[in-house]
PDB file of N, CA and C in Angstrom:
ATOM      1  N   MET A   1      45.585 207.220 143.733  1.00  0.00           N
ATOM      2  CA  MET A   1      44.181 207.471 143.500  1.00  0.00           C
ATOM      3  C   MET A   1      43.519 206.272 142.809  1.00  0.00           C
ATOM      4  N   LYS A   2      44.221 205.665 141.866  1.00  0.00           N
ATOM      5  CA  LYS A   2      43.634 204.537 141.133  1.00  0.00           C
ATOM      6  C   LYS A   2      43.251 203.403 142.081  1.00  0.00           C
ATOM      7  N   GLU A   3      44.109 203.084 143.027  1.00  0.00           N
ATOM      8  CA  GLU A   3      43.807 201.987 143.953  1.00  0.00           C
ATOM      9  C   GLU A   3      42.640 202.343 144.875  1.00  0.00           C
ATOM     10  N   LYS A   4      42.545 203.603 145.252  1.00  0.00           N
ATOM     11  CA  LYS A   4      41.432 204.040 146.102  1.00  0.00           C
ATOM     12  C   LYS A   4      40.111 203.902 145.343  1.00  0.00           C
ATOM     13  N   ILE A   5      40.103 204.318 144.076  1.00  0.00           N
ATOM     14  CA  ILE A   5      38.894 204.193 143.253  1.00  0.00           C
ATOM     15  C   ILE A   5      38.572 202.720 143.015  1.00  0.00           C
ATOM     16  N   ARG A   6      39.586 201.902 142.770  1.00  0.00           N
ATOM     17  CA  ARG A   6      39.369 200.454 142.602  1.00  0.00           C
ATOM     18  C   ARG A   6      38.682 199.877 143.845  1.00  0.00           C
ATOM     19  N   THR A   7      39.173 200.242 145.000  1.00  0.00           N
ATOM     20  CA  THR A   7      38.602 199.740 146.259  1.00  0.00           C
ATOM     21  C   THR A   7      37.151 200.174 146.406  1.00  0.00           C
ATOM     22  N   ILE A   8      36.871 201.438 146.101  1.00  0.00           N
ATOM     23  CA  ILE A   8      35.493 201.944 146.189  1.00  0.00           C
ATOM     24  C   ILE A   8      34.580 201.139 145.272  1.00  0.00           C
ATOM     25  N   LEU A   9      35.019 200.915 144.038  1.00  0.00           N
ATOM     26  CA  LEU A   9      34.195 200.172 143.087  1.00  0.00           C
ATOM     27  C   LEU A   9      34.002 198.730 143.528  1.00  0.00           C
ATOM     28  N   GLU A  10      35.066 198.080 143.955  1.00  0.00           N
ATOM     29  CA  GLU A  10      34.974 196.677 144.360  1.00  0.00           C
ATOM     30  C   GLU A  10      34.082 196.498 145.588  1.00  0.00           C
ATOM     31  N   GLU A  11      34.141 197.436 146.523  1.00  0.00           N
ATOM     32  CA  GLU A  11      33.318 197.329 147.728  1.00  0.00           C
ATOM     33  C   GLU A  11      31.843 197.579 147.450  1.00  0.00           C
ATOM     34  N   ASN A  12      31.552 198.475 146.516  1.00  0.00           N
ATOM     35  CA  ASN A  12      30.168 198.860 146.260  1.00  0.00           C
ATOM     36  C   ASN A  12      29.514 198.119 145.099  1.00  0.00           C
ATOM     37  N   LEU A  13      30.335 197.556 144.226  1.00  0.00           N
ATOM     38  CA  LEU A  13      29.814 196.825 143.064  1.00  0.00           C
ATOM     39  C   LEU A  13      30.553 195.495 142.931  1.00  0.00           C
ATOM     40  N   PRO A  14      30.342 194.582 143.870  1.00  0.00           N
ATOM     41  CA  PRO A  14      31.124 193.343 143.899  1.00  0.00           C
ATOM     42  C   PRO A  14      30.946 192.433 142.678  1.00  0.00           C
ATOM     43  N   LEU A  15      29.878 192.582 141.943  1.00  0.00           N
ATOM     44  CA  LEU A  15      29.637 191.714 140.791  1.00  0.00           C
ATOM     45  C   LEU A  15      30.207 192.273 139.493  1.00  0.00           C
ATOM     46  N   VAL A  16      30.785 193.460 139.542  1.00  0.00           N
ATOM     47  CA  VAL A  16      31.315 194.114 138.346  1.00  0.00           C
ATOM     48  C   VAL A  16      32.820 193.894 138.261  1.00  0.00           C
ATOM     49  N   ASP A  17      33.286 193.523 137.072  1.00  0.00           N
ATOM     50  CA  ASP A  17      34.721 193.351 136.835  1.00  0.00           C
ATOM     51  C   ASP A  17      35.335 194.724 136.573  1.00  0.00           C
ATOM     52  N   VAL A  18      35.940 195.314 137.598  1.00  0.00           N
ATOM     53  CA  VAL A  18      36.466 196.676 137.473  1.00  0.00           C
ATOM     54  C   VAL A  18      37.674 196.758 136.550  1.00  0.00           C
ATOM     55  N   ASP A  19      38.253 195.639 136.182  1.00  0.00           N
ATOM     56  CA  ASP A  19      39.397 195.632 135.277  1.00  0.00           C
ATOM     57  C   ASP A  19      38.991 195.443 133.813  1.00  0.00           C
ATOM     58  N   SER A  20      37.713 195.383 133.570  1.00  0.00           N
ATOM     59  CA  SER A  20      37.226 195.193 132.213  1.00  0.00           C
ATOM     60  C   SER A  20      37.493 196.423 131.351  1.00  0.00           C
ATOM     61  N   ASP A  21      37.849 196.182 130.084  1.00  0.00           N
ATOM     62  CA  ASP A  21      38.008 197.283 129.138  1.00  0.00           C
ATOM     63  C   ASP A  21      36.652 197.735 128.602  1.00  0.00           C
ATOM     64  N   PHE A  22      35.606 197.028 128.984  1.00  0.00           N
ATOM     65  CA  PHE A  22      34.250 197.358 128.564  1.00  0.00           C
ATOM     66  C   PHE A  22      33.381 197.576 129.800  1.00  0.00           C
ATOM     67  N   LEU A  23      33.931 198.274 130.781  1.00  0.00           N
ATOM     68  CA  LEU A  23      33.261 198.476 132.060  1.00  0.00           C
ATOM     69  C   LEU A  23      31.889 199.108 131.879  1.00  0.00           C
ATOM     70  N   PHE A  24      31.762 200.094 131.003  1.00  0.00           N
ATOM     71  CA  PHE A  24      30.490 200.783 130.811  1.00  0.00           C
ATOM     72  C   PHE A  24      29.385 199.806 130.429  1.00  0.00           C
ATOM     73  N   ALA A  25      29.718 198.798 129.625  1.00  0.00           N
ATOM     74  CA  ALA A  25      28.724 197.817 129.181  1.00  0.00           C
ATOM     75  C   ALA A  25      28.223 196.950 130.334  1.00  0.00           C
ATOM     76  N   GLU A  26      29.017 196.831 131.386  1.00  0.00           N
ATOM     77  CA  GLU A  26      28.635 196.010 132.533  1.00  0.00           C
ATOM     78  C   GLU A  26      27.827 196.776 133.584  1.00  0.00           C
ATOM     79  N   LEU A  27      27.759 198.093 133.442  1.00  0.00           N
ATOM     80  CA  LEU A  27      27.138 198.920 134.473  1.00  0.00           C
ATOM     81  C   LEU A  27      25.682 199.232 134.165  1.00  0.00           C
ATOM     82  N   SER A  28      24.852 199.149 135.192  1.00  0.00           N
ATOM     83  CA  SER A  28      23.466 199.596 135.072  1.00  0.00           C
ATOM     84  C   SER A  28      23.417 201.075 135.429  1.00  0.00           C
ATOM     85  N   SER A  29      22.271 201.685 135.211  1.00  0.00           N
ATOM     86  CA  SER A  29      22.138 203.103 135.578  1.00  0.00           C
ATOM     87  C   SER A  29      22.293 203.282 137.085  1.00  0.00           C
ATOM     88  N   LEU A  30      21.840 202.312 137.851  1.00  0.00           N
ATOM     89  CA  LEU A  30      22.013 202.371 139.311  1.00  0.00           C
ATOM     90  C   LEU A  30      23.489 202.265 139.684  1.00  0.00           C
ATOM     91  N   ASP A  31      24.231 201.403 138.997  1.00  0.00           N
ATOM     92  CA  ASP A  31      25.676 201.282 139.235  1.00  0.00           C
ATOM     93  C   ASP A  31      26.375 202.615 138.971  1.00  0.00           C
ATOM     94  N   ILE A  32      26.030 203.253 137.870  1.00  0.00           N
ATOM     95  CA  ILE A  32      26.661 204.522 137.513  1.00  0.00           C
ATOM     96  C   ILE A  32      26.332 205.595 138.537  1.00  0.00           C
ATOM     97  N   THR A  33      25.080 205.640 138.961  1.00  0.00           N
ATOM     98  CA  THR A  33      24.677 206.603 139.993  1.00  0.00           C
ATOM     99  C   THR A  33      25.446 206.349 141.277  1.00  0.00           C
ATOM    100  N   THR A  34      25.592 205.099 141.654  1.00  0.00           N
ATOM    101  CA  THR A  34      26.347 204.737 142.858  1.00  0.00           C
ATOM    102  C   THR A  34      27.797 205.187 142.743  1.00  0.00           C
ATOM    103  N   ILE A  35      28.411 204.917 141.608  1.00  0.00           N
ATOM    104  CA  ILE A  35      29.801 205.324 141.389  1.00  0.00           C
ATOM    105  C   ILE A  35      29.927 206.838 141.522  1.00  0.00           C
ATOM    106  N   MET A  36      29.048 207.566 140.875  1.00  0.00           N
ATOM    107  CA  MET A  36      29.122 209.022 140.907  1.00  0.00           C
ATOM    108  C   MET A  36      28.984 209.557 142.330  1.00  0.00           C
ATOM    109  N   MET A  37      28.058 209.017 143.071  1.00  0.00           N
ATOM    110  CA  MET A  37      27.865 209.470 144.453  1.00  0.00           C
ATOM    111  C   MET A  37      29.079 209.161 145.315  1.00  0.00           C
ATOM    112  N   MET A  38      29.616 207.960 145.196  1.00  0.00           N
ATOM    113  CA  MET A  38      30.764 207.565 146.013  1.00  0.00           C
ATOM    114  C   MET A  38      31.995 208.405 145.676  1.00  0.00           C
ATOM    115  N   LEU A  39      32.237 208.628 144.399  1.00  0.00           N
ATOM    116  CA  LEU A  39      33.397 209.419 143.999  1.00  0.00           C
ATOM    117  C   LEU A  39      33.231 210.889 144.397  1.00  0.00           C
ATOM    118  N   SER A  40      32.024 211.407 144.259  1.00  0.00           N
ATOM    119  CA  SER A  40      31.760 212.791 144.673  1.00  0.00           C
ATOM    120  C   SER A  40      32.034 212.964 146.159  1.00  0.00           C
ATOM    121  N   ASP A  41      31.558 212.022 146.956  1.00  0.00           N
ATOM    122  CA  ASP A  41      31.768 212.084 148.406  1.00  0.00           C
ATOM    123  C   ASP A  41      33.241 211.921 148.775  1.00  0.00           C
ATOM    124  N   GLU A  42      33.903 210.960 148.165  1.00  0.00           N
ATOM    125  CA  GLU A  42      35.282 210.646 148.525  1.00  0.00           C
ATOM    126  C   GLU A  42      36.263 211.747 148.120  1.00  0.00           C
ATOM    127  N   PHE A  43      36.078 212.299 146.920  1.00  0.00           N
ATOM    128  CA  PHE A  43      37.054 213.243 146.383  1.00  0.00           C
ATOM    129  C   PHE A  43      36.554 214.689 146.381  1.00  0.00           C
ATOM    130  N   HIS A  44      35.334 214.905 146.866  1.00  0.00           N
ATOM    131  CA  HIS A  44      34.755 216.255 146.953  1.00  0.00           C
ATOM    132  C   HIS A  44      34.744 216.948 145.592  1.00  0.00           C
ATOM    133  N   VAL A  45      34.244 216.219 144.601  1.00  0.00           N
ATOM    134  CA  VAL A  45      34.101 216.756 143.254  1.00  0.00           C
ATOM    135  C   VAL A  45      32.629 216.694 142.866  1.00  0.00           C
ATOM    136  N   THR A  46      32.267 217.483 141.874  1.00  0.00           N
ATOM    137  CA  THR A  46      30.901 217.475 141.376  1.00  0.00           C
ATOM    138  C   THR A  46      30.867 216.731 140.053  1.00  0.00           C
ATOM    139  N   LEU A  47      30.107 215.658 140.029  1.00  0.00           N
ATOM    140  CA  LEU A  47      29.916 214.883 138.806  1.00  0.00           C
ATOM    141  C   LEU A  47      28.460 215.021 138.398  1.00  0.00           C
ATOM    142  N   GLY A  48      28.228 215.410 137.161  1.00  0.00           N
ATOM    143  CA  GLY A  48      26.871 215.610 136.688  1.00  0.00           C
ATOM    144  C   GLY A  48      26.496 214.654 135.579  1.00  0.00           C
ATOM    145  N   ALA A  49      25.264 214.796 135.124  1.00  0.00           N
ATOM    146  CA  ALA A  49      24.748 213.918 134.074  1.00  0.00           C
ATOM    147  C   ALA A  49      25.582 214.009 132.800  1.00  0.00           C
ATOM    148  N   ASP A  50      26.157 215.177 132.528  1.00  0.00           N
ATOM    149  CA  ASP A  50      26.975 215.324 131.325  1.00  0.00           C
ATOM    150  C   ASP A  50      28.294 214.558 131.413  1.00  0.00           C
ATOM    151  N   ASP A  51      28.661 214.106 132.609  1.00  0.00           N
ATOM    152  CA  ASP A  51      29.881 213.302 132.788  1.00  0.00           C
ATOM    153  C   ASP A  51      29.639 211.817 132.517  1.00  0.00           C
ATOM    154  N   VAL A  52      28.380 211.428 132.432  1.00  0.00           N
ATOM    155  CA  VAL A  52      28.047 210.013 132.218  1.00  0.00           C
ATOM    156  C   VAL A  52      28.084 209.718 130.724  1.00  0.00           C
ATOM    157  N   THR A  53      29.257 209.303 130.289  1.00  0.00           N
ATOM    158  CA  THR A  53      29.437 208.934 128.885  1.00  0.00           C
ATOM    159  C   THR A  53      30.188 207.607 128.832  1.00  0.00           C
ATOM    160  N   PRO A  54      30.010 206.859 127.759  1.00  0.00           N
ATOM    161  CA  PRO A  54      30.773 205.607 127.635  1.00  0.00           C
ATOM    162  C   PRO A  54      32.275 205.854 127.724  1.00  0.00           C
ATOM    163  N   ARG A  55      32.735 206.985 127.230  1.00  0.00           N
ATOM    164  CA  ARG A  55      34.164 207.299 127.268  1.00  0.00           C
ATOM    165  C   ARG A  55      34.660 207.463 128.710  1.00  0.00           C
ATOM    166  N   ASN A  56      33.883 208.156 129.553  1.00  0.00           N
ATOM    167  CA  ASN A  56      34.296 208.399 130.941  1.00  0.00           C
ATOM    168  C   ASN A  56      34.193 207.150 131.817  1.00  0.00           C
ATOM    169  N   PHE A  57      33.332 206.219 131.443  1.00  0.00           N
ATOM    170  CA  PHE A  57      33.120 205.015 132.252  1.00  0.00           C
ATOM    171  C   PHE A  57      33.555 203.751 131.521  1.00  0.00           C
ATOM    172  N   ARG A  58      34.416 203.898 130.531  1.00  0.00           N
ATOM    173  CA  ARG A  58      34.885 202.761 129.729  1.00  0.00           C
ATOM    174  C   ARG A  58      35.726 201.788 130.541  1.00  0.00           C
ATOM    175  N   SER A  59      36.550 202.327 131.443  1.00  0.00           N
ATOM    176  CA  SER A  59      37.468 201.484 132.209  1.00  0.00           C
ATOM    177  C   SER A  59      37.809 202.177 133.519  1.00  0.00           C
ATOM    178  N   LEU A  60      38.509 201.468 134.362  1.00  0.00           N
ATOM    179  CA  LEU A  60      38.964 202.054 135.622  1.00  0.00           C
ATOM    180  C   LEU A  60      39.835 203.279 135.340  1.00  0.00           C
ATOM    181  N   ASP A  61      40.715 203.176 134.348  1.00  0.00           N
ATOM    182  CA  ASP A  61      41.590 204.301 134.010  1.00  0.00           C
ATOM    183  C   ASP A  61      40.801 205.528 133.557  1.00  0.00           C
ATOM    184  N   SER A  62      39.733 205.312 132.799  1.00  0.00           N
ATOM    185  CA  SER A  62      38.951 206.465 132.334  1.00  0.00           C
ATOM    186  C   SER A  62      38.184 207.109 133.491  1.00  0.00           C
ATOM    187  N   ILE A  63      37.769 206.317 134.462  1.00  0.00           N
ATOM    188  CA  ILE A  63      37.106 206.879 135.649  1.00  0.00           C
ATOM    189  C   ILE A  63      38.117 207.685 136.466  1.00  0.00           C
ATOM    190  N   VAL A  64      39.318 207.167 136.601  1.00  0.00           N
ATOM    191  CA  VAL A  64      40.384 207.893 137.303  1.00  0.00           C
ATOM    192  C   VAL A  64      40.652 209.219 136.592  1.00  0.00           C
ATOM    193  N   ALA A  65      40.740 209.198 135.278  1.00  0.00           N
ATOM    194  CA  ALA A  65      40.989 210.413 134.500  1.00  0.00           C
ATOM    195  C   ALA A  65      39.859 211.425 134.700  1.00  0.00           C
ATOM    196  N   LEU A  66      38.627 210.947 134.756  1.00  0.00           N
ATOM    197  CA  LEU A  66      37.485 211.833 134.996  1.00  0.00           C
ATOM    198  C   LEU A  66      37.623 212.537 136.342  1.00  0.00           C
ATOM    199  N   VAL A  67      37.898 211.774 137.379  1.00  0.00           N
ATOM    200  CA  VAL A  67      38.036 212.360 138.713  1.00  0.00           C
ATOM    201  C   VAL A  67      39.208 213.336 138.744  1.00  0.00           C
ATOM    202  N   GLU A  68      40.320 212.965 138.152  1.00  0.00           N
ATOM    203  CA  GLU A  68      41.485 213.854 138.124  1.00  0.00           C
ATOM    204  C   GLU A  68      41.168 215.156 137.405  1.00  0.00           C
ATOM    205  N   SER A  69      40.378 215.083 136.334  1.00  0.00           N
ATOM    206  CA  SER A  69      40.019 216.309 135.598  1.00  0.00           C
ATOM    207  C   SER A  69      39.149 217.221 136.435  1.00  0.00           C
ATOM    208  N   LYS A  70      38.338 216.655 137.309  1.00  0.00           N
ATOM    209  CA  LYS A  70      37.465 217.446 138.182  1.00  0.00           C
ATOM    210  C   LYS A  70      38.222 218.079 139.340  1.00  0.00           C
ATOM    211  N   LEU A  71      39.370 217.515 139.672  1.00  0.00           N
ATOM    212  CA  LEU A  71      40.170 218.041 140.769  1.00  0.00           C
ATOM    213  C   LEU A  71      40.986 219.259 140.351  1.00  0.00           C
ATOM    214  N   LYS A  72      41.102 219.511 139.076  1.00  0.00           N
ATOM    215  CA  LYS A  72      41.916 220.627 138.580  1.00  0.00           C
ATOM    216  C   LYS A  72      41.159 221.924 138.630  1.00  0.00           C
TER     217      LYS A  72
END
């Protein structure tokens, strides 16, 4: 799953360093909206405004953890 999410991010946000430990700081609101839409479509999960937190978007691993939590 991590590699699939990495690919989605790299394809849709080519200027963002997806390996950054400060990923949230690099993202605009449009970037976050794009990520949420792509992940919702790919994994058939519902991501809402309450999921948009620095903790959930801090790094690639935290985004993976968010998606995994929605799959349960």
